[in-house]
C-alpha atoms as a PDB file:
ATOM      1  CA  MET A   1     -21.036 -15.646  35.832  1.00  0.00           C
ATOM      2  CA  LYS A   2     -17.715 -15.363  33.766  1.00  0.00           C
ATOM      3  CA  LYS A   3     -16.455 -12.288  32.443  1.00  0.00           C
ATOM      4  CA  ILE A   4     -15.682 -12.842  28.788  1.00  0.00           C
ATOM      5  CA  LEU A   5     -13.680  -9.728  28.195  1.00  0.00           C
ATOM      6  CA  ASN A   6     -11.654  -7.613  30.924  1.00  0.00           C
ATOM      7  CA  PRO A   7     -13.308  -4.103  30.824  1.00  0.00           C
ATOM      8  CA  ALA A   8      -9.866  -2.523  30.273  1.00  0.00           C
ATOM      9  CA  TYR A   9      -9.051  -4.718  27.443  1.00  0.00           C
ATOM     10  CA  LEU A  10     -12.284  -3.819  25.644  1.00  0.00           C
ATOM     11  CA  MET A  11     -11.734  -0.127  25.990  1.00  0.00           C
ATOM     12  CA  LEU A  12      -8.496  -0.274  24.582  1.00  0.00           C
ATOM     13  CA  LEU A  13     -10.033  -2.290  21.590  1.00  0.00           C
ATOM     14  CA  VAL A  14     -12.559   0.451  21.280  1.00  0.00           C
ATOM     15  CA  ILE A  15      -9.936   3.142  21.323  1.00  0.00           C
ATOM     16  CA  SER A  16      -7.690   1.490  18.929  1.00  0.00           C
ATOM     17  CA  PHE A  17     -10.329   0.981  16.371  1.00  0.00           C
ATOM     18  CA  GLY A  18     -11.923   4.341  16.863  1.00  0.00           C
ATOM     19  CA  CYS A  19      -8.757   5.884  16.117  1.00  0.00           C
ATOM     20  CA  ALA A  20      -8.569   3.956  12.719  1.00  0.00           C
ATOM     21  CA  GLN A  21      -9.402   6.982  10.806  1.00  0.00           C
ATOM     22  CA  LYS A  22      -7.140   8.702   8.179  1.00  0.00           C
ATOM     23  CA  GLN A  23      -4.832  10.921  10.017  1.00  0.00           C
ATOM     24  CA  ASN A  24      -3.060  12.384   6.659  1.00  0.00           C
ATOM     25  CA  ASN A  25      -4.938  15.390   5.534  1.00  0.00           C
ATOM     26  CA  THR A  26      -2.654  16.111   2.677  1.00  0.00           C
ATOM     27  CA  PRO A  27      -4.895  16.882  -0.208  1.00  0.00           C
ATOM     28  CA  VAL A  28      -4.621  14.623  -3.281  1.00  0.00           C
ATOM     29  CA  LYS A  29      -4.457  15.898  -6.535  1.00  0.00           C
ATOM     30  CA  VAL A  30      -6.715  13.556  -8.442  1.00  0.00           C
ATOM     31  CA  VAL A  31     -10.185  13.525  -7.214  1.00  0.00           C
ATOM     32  CA  LYS A  32     -12.739  11.361  -8.806  1.00  0.00           C
ATOM     33  CA  SER A  33     -16.221  10.006  -7.777  1.00  0.00           C
ATOM     34  CA  GLU A  34     -16.807   6.280  -6.612  1.00  0.00           C
ATOM     35  CA  ALA A  35     -18.585   5.905  -9.770  1.00  0.00           C
ATOM     36  CA  GLU A  36     -15.652   6.886 -11.691  1.00  0.00           C
ATOM     37  CA  TRP A  37     -13.108   4.833  -9.788  1.00  0.00           C
ATOM     38  CA  LYS A  38     -15.458   1.891 -10.166  1.00  0.00           C
ATOM     39  CA  SER A  39     -15.967   1.990 -13.944  1.00  0.00           C
ATOM     40  CA  GLU A  40     -12.123   2.837 -14.729  1.00  0.00           C
ATOM     41  CA  LEU A  41     -10.496   0.262 -12.190  1.00  0.00           C
ATOM     42  CA  SER A  42     -10.679  -3.599 -12.218  1.00  0.00           C
ATOM     43  CA  GLU A  43     -12.822  -4.878  -9.332  1.00  0.00           C
ATOM     44  CA  GLU A  44      -9.627  -5.975  -7.511  1.00  0.00           C
ATOM     45  CA  SER A  45      -7.709  -2.787  -8.061  1.00  0.00           C
ATOM     46  CA  TYR A  46     -10.981  -0.903  -6.891  1.00  0.00           C
ATOM     47  CA  ARG A  47     -10.975  -2.999  -3.634  1.00  0.00           C
ATOM     48  CA  ILE A  48      -7.372  -2.263  -2.904  1.00  0.00           C
ATOM     49  CA  LEU A  49      -6.548   1.235  -4.123  1.00  0.00           C
ATOM     50  CA  ARG A  50     -10.133   2.622  -2.954  1.00  0.00           C
ATOM     51  CA  LYS A  51     -11.170   0.464  -0.120  1.00  0.00           C
ATOM     52  CA  ALA A  52      -7.540  -0.409   1.441  1.00  0.00           C
ATOM     53  CA  GLU A  53      -8.194  -3.991   1.042  1.00  0.00           C
ATOM     54  CA  THR A  54      -5.243  -6.485   0.594  1.00  0.00           C
ATOM     55  CA  GLU A  55      -4.681  -9.047  -2.117  1.00  0.00           C
ATOM     56  CA  ARG A  56      -3.798 -12.553  -0.855  1.00  0.00           C
ATOM     57  CA  ALA A  57       0.001 -13.303  -0.204  1.00  0.00           C
ATOM     58  CA  PHE A  58       1.933 -14.763  -3.460  1.00  0.00           C
ATOM     59  CA  THR A  59      -1.047 -14.413  -5.859  1.00  0.00           C
ATOM     60  CA  GLY A  60       0.148 -10.910  -7.119  1.00  0.00           C
ATOM     61  CA  LYS A  61       1.464 -10.808 -10.668  1.00  0.00           C
ATOM     62  CA  TYR A  62       4.418  -8.482  -9.573  1.00  0.00           C
ATOM     63  CA  ASP A  63       5.533 -10.577  -6.747  1.00  0.00           C
ATOM     64  CA  LYS A  64       8.342 -12.707  -8.711  1.00  0.00           C
ATOM     65  CA  HIS A  65       8.352  -9.879 -11.469  1.00  0.00           C
ATOM     66  CA  PHE A  66      11.938  -8.506 -11.961  1.00  0.00           C
ATOM     67  CA  GLU A  67      12.110  -6.747 -15.427  1.00  0.00           C
ATOM     68  CA  GLU A  68      13.755  -3.441 -15.794  1.00  0.00           C
ATOM     69  CA  GLY A  69      11.348  -0.530 -15.923  1.00  0.00           C
ATOM     70  CA  VAL A  70       8.962   1.477 -13.605  1.00  0.00           C
ATOM     71  CA  TYR A  71       5.904   0.708 -11.556  1.00  0.00           C
ATOM     72  CA  ARG A  72       3.148   2.976 -11.620  1.00  0.00           C
ATOM     73  CA  CYS A  73       0.406   3.807  -9.912  1.00  0.00           C
ATOM     74  CA  ALA A  74      -2.720   1.705 -11.337  1.00  0.00           C
ATOM     75  CA  GLY A  75      -5.259   4.698 -10.272  1.00  0.00           C
ATOM     76  CA  CYS A  76      -3.528   7.549 -11.769  1.00  0.00           C
ATOM     77  CA  ASN A  77      -0.259   6.268 -13.521  1.00  0.00           C
ATOM     78  CA  GLN A  78       2.013   8.327 -11.252  1.00  0.00           C
ATOM     79  CA  GLU A  79       5.648   6.560 -11.249  1.00  0.00           C
ATOM     80  CA  LEU A  80       5.978   5.124  -7.732  1.00  0.00           C
ATOM     81  CA  PHE A  81       9.020   2.735  -7.955  1.00  0.00           C
ATOM     82  CA  MET A  82      11.790   1.912  -9.953  1.00  0.00           C
ATOM     83  CA  SER A  83      12.814  -1.806 -10.734  1.00  0.00           C
ATOM     84  CA  GLU A  84      16.233  -1.319  -9.320  1.00  0.00           C
ATOM     85  CA  ASN A  85      14.693  -0.720  -6.110  1.00  0.00           C
ATOM     86  CA  LYS A  86      12.564  -4.141  -6.196  1.00  0.00           C
ATOM     87  CA  TYR A  87      13.859  -7.191  -4.304  1.00  0.00           C
ATOM     88  CA  ASP A  88      12.707 -10.544  -3.264  1.00  0.00           C
ATOM     89  CA  SER A  89      11.503  -9.929   0.391  1.00  0.00           C
ATOM     90  CA  LYS A  90       9.766 -13.531   0.295  1.00  0.00           C
ATOM     91  CA  CYS A  91       6.779 -11.898   1.951  1.00  0.00           C
ATOM     92  CA  GLY A  92       4.226 -12.687  -0.841  1.00  0.00           C
ATOM     93  CA  TRP A  93       3.992  -9.332  -2.203  1.00  0.00           C
ATOM     94  CA  PRO A  94       6.164  -6.969  -4.400  1.00  0.00           C
ATOM     95  CA  ALA A  95       8.718  -5.273  -2.100  1.00  0.00           C
ATOM     96  CA  PHE A  96      10.820  -1.909  -2.588  1.00  0.00           C
ATOM     97  CA  ASP A  97      13.596  -0.461  -0.635  1.00  0.00           C
ATOM     98  CA  ASN A  98      12.886   2.924  -1.893  1.00  0.00           C
ATOM     99  CA  ALA A  99      10.082   4.845  -3.875  1.00  0.00           C
ATOM    100  CA  VAL A 100      10.313   7.826  -6.394  1.00  0.00           C
ATOM    101  CA  LYS A 101      10.870  11.058  -4.579  1.00  0.00           C
ATOM    102  CA  GLY A 102       7.413  12.689  -3.504  1.00  0.00           C
ATOM    103  CA  SER A 103       5.278   9.887  -4.718  1.00  0.00           C
ATOM    104  CA  LEU A 104       4.195   8.379  -1.725  1.00  0.00           C
ATOM    105  CA  LYS A 105       2.335   9.692   1.335  1.00  0.00           C
ATOM    106  CA  PHE A 106       1.941   7.776   4.624  1.00  0.00           C
ATOM    107  CA  ASP A 107      -0.790   7.238   7.453  1.00  0.00           C
ATOM    108  CA  VAL A 108      -1.292   5.324  10.397  1.00  0.00           C
ATOM    109  CA  ASP A 109      -3.537   2.078   9.751  1.00  0.00           C
ATOM    110  CA  TYR A 110      -5.047   0.304  12.820  1.00  0.00           C
ATOM    111  CA  LYS A 111      -7.039  -2.158  10.662  1.00  0.00           C
ATOM    112  CA  ILE A 112      -5.643  -5.089  12.505  1.00  0.00           C
ATOM    113  CA  GLY A 113      -5.627  -3.650  16.030  1.00  0.00           C
ATOM    114  CA  ILE A 114      -2.002  -2.623  16.023  1.00  0.00           C
ATOM    115  CA  PRO A 115      -0.644   0.453  14.182  1.00  0.00           C
ATOM    116  CA  ARG A 116       1.148   0.058  10.844  1.00  0.00           C
ATOM    117  CA  THR A 117       2.233   2.795   8.339  1.00  0.00           C
ATOM    118  CA  GLU A 118      -0.027   2.796   5.390  1.00  0.00           C
ATOM    119  CA  VAL A 119       1.510   3.800   2.141  1.00  0.00           C
ATOM    120  CA  LEU A 120      -0.691   5.764  -0.032  1.00  0.00           C
ATOM    121  CA  CYS A 121      -0.097   7.325  -3.686  1.00  0.00           C
ATOM    122  CA  SER A 122       0.465  11.029  -3.155  1.00  0.00           C
ATOM    123  CA  ASN A 123      -1.357  11.868  -6.417  1.00  0.00           C
ATOM    124  CA  CYS A 124      -4.718  10.035  -6.143  1.00  0.00           C
ATOM    125  CA  GLY A 125      -4.608   8.912  -2.492  1.00  0.00           C
ATOM    126  CA  GLY A 126      -4.855   5.416  -3.400  1.00  0.00           C
ATOM    127  CA  HIS A 127      -3.844   2.616  -0.910  1.00  0.00           C
ATOM    128  CA  LEU A 128      -0.866   0.697  -2.200  1.00  0.00           C
ATOM    129  CA  GLY A 129       0.269  -1.367   0.906  1.00  0.00           C
ATOM    130  CA  HIS A 130       2.252  -0.827   4.014  1.00  0.00           C
ATOM    131  CA  VAL A 131       6.114   0.066   4.658  1.00  0.00           C
ATOM    132  CA  PHE A 132       8.092  -1.825   7.446  1.00  0.00           C
ATOM    133  CA  ASN A 133      11.741  -1.410   8.801  1.00  0.00           C
ATOM    134  CA  ASP A 134      12.740  -5.040   8.135  1.00  0.00           C
ATOM    135  CA  GLY A 135      14.221  -4.127   4.639  1.00  0.00           C
ATOM    136  CA  PRO A 136      17.781  -4.546   3.437  1.00  0.00           C
ATOM    137  CA  LYS A 137      19.985  -2.847   5.829  1.00  0.00           C
ATOM    138  CA  GLU A 138      22.829  -2.059   3.104  1.00  0.00           C
ATOM    139  CA  THR A 139      20.135   0.196   1.589  1.00  0.00           C
ATOM    140  CA  THR A 140      17.414   2.018   3.411  1.00  0.00           C
ATOM    141  CA  GLY A 141      16.262  -0.760   5.737  1.00  0.00           C
ATOM    142  CA  LEU A 142      12.643  -0.176   4.502  1.00  0.00           C
ATOM    143  CA  ARG A 143      10.401  -2.934   2.790  1.00  0.00           C
ATOM    144  CA  HIS A 144       7.513  -1.146   0.995  1.00  0.00           C
ATOM    145  CA  CYS A 145       5.193  -4.065   0.729  1.00  0.00           C
ATOM    146  CA  ILE A 146       2.886  -3.232  -1.860  1.00  0.00           C
ATOM    147  CA  ASN A 147      -0.054  -4.847  -3.581  1.00  0.00           C
ATOM    148  CA  SER A 148       0.276  -5.902  -7.224  1.00  0.00           C
ATOM    149  CA  ALA A 149      -3.090  -4.744  -8.202  1.00  0.00           C
ATOM    150  CA  ALA A 150      -2.267  -1.309  -7.147  1.00  0.00           C
ATOM    151  CA  LEU A 151       0.401  -1.157  -9.711  1.00  0.00           C
ATOM    152  CA  GLU A 152       0.972  -1.135 -13.437  1.00  0.00           C
ATOM    153  CA  PHE A 153       4.430  -1.916 -14.950  1.00  0.00           C
ATOM    154  CA  GLU A 154       5.983   0.060 -17.725  1.00  0.00           C
ATOM    155  CA  PRO A 155       8.924  -1.698 -19.153  1.00  0.00           C
ATOM    156  CA  SER A 156      12.266   0.009 -19.974  1.00  0.00           C
ATOM    157  CA  LYS A 157      12.623   1.128 -23.527  1.00  0.00           C
ATOM    158  CA  ASN A 158      16.166  -0.581 -24.241  1.00  0.00           C
ATOM    159  CA  GLU A 159      17.363   0.479 -27.629  1.00  0.00           C
END
């Protein structure tokens, strides 16, 4: 009889997925029930912000959006990113090299079996996306890869 999985590999998978719990215990400022979140957010924004899902690449309304203004959390309206920090990473999601100070918190995410740095709104705890170290080297070197459905855009008031 053939072994399908090596027991050591199976144990590694169990440990990896068992550790997929939130590691960041920093309290959030906006606390709502699931019913409140569901009634206030679109179905897609709810899935992304509250269930940590991801929109399909190249489908988000802010992927190729380059107007001047501020990107806010779709869950609580907190300022997250300024338009001058957005760039075209060609990854299929809005990408930013920097965030508004104090607007984000980070956690380890093992959803795909390897550790990634999850990006969360520091105000409501909503899942925004992930951050990677393959961004523009001339700035921070970071690529905050963010779901459009987790964002709302407020254009600049050029007078």
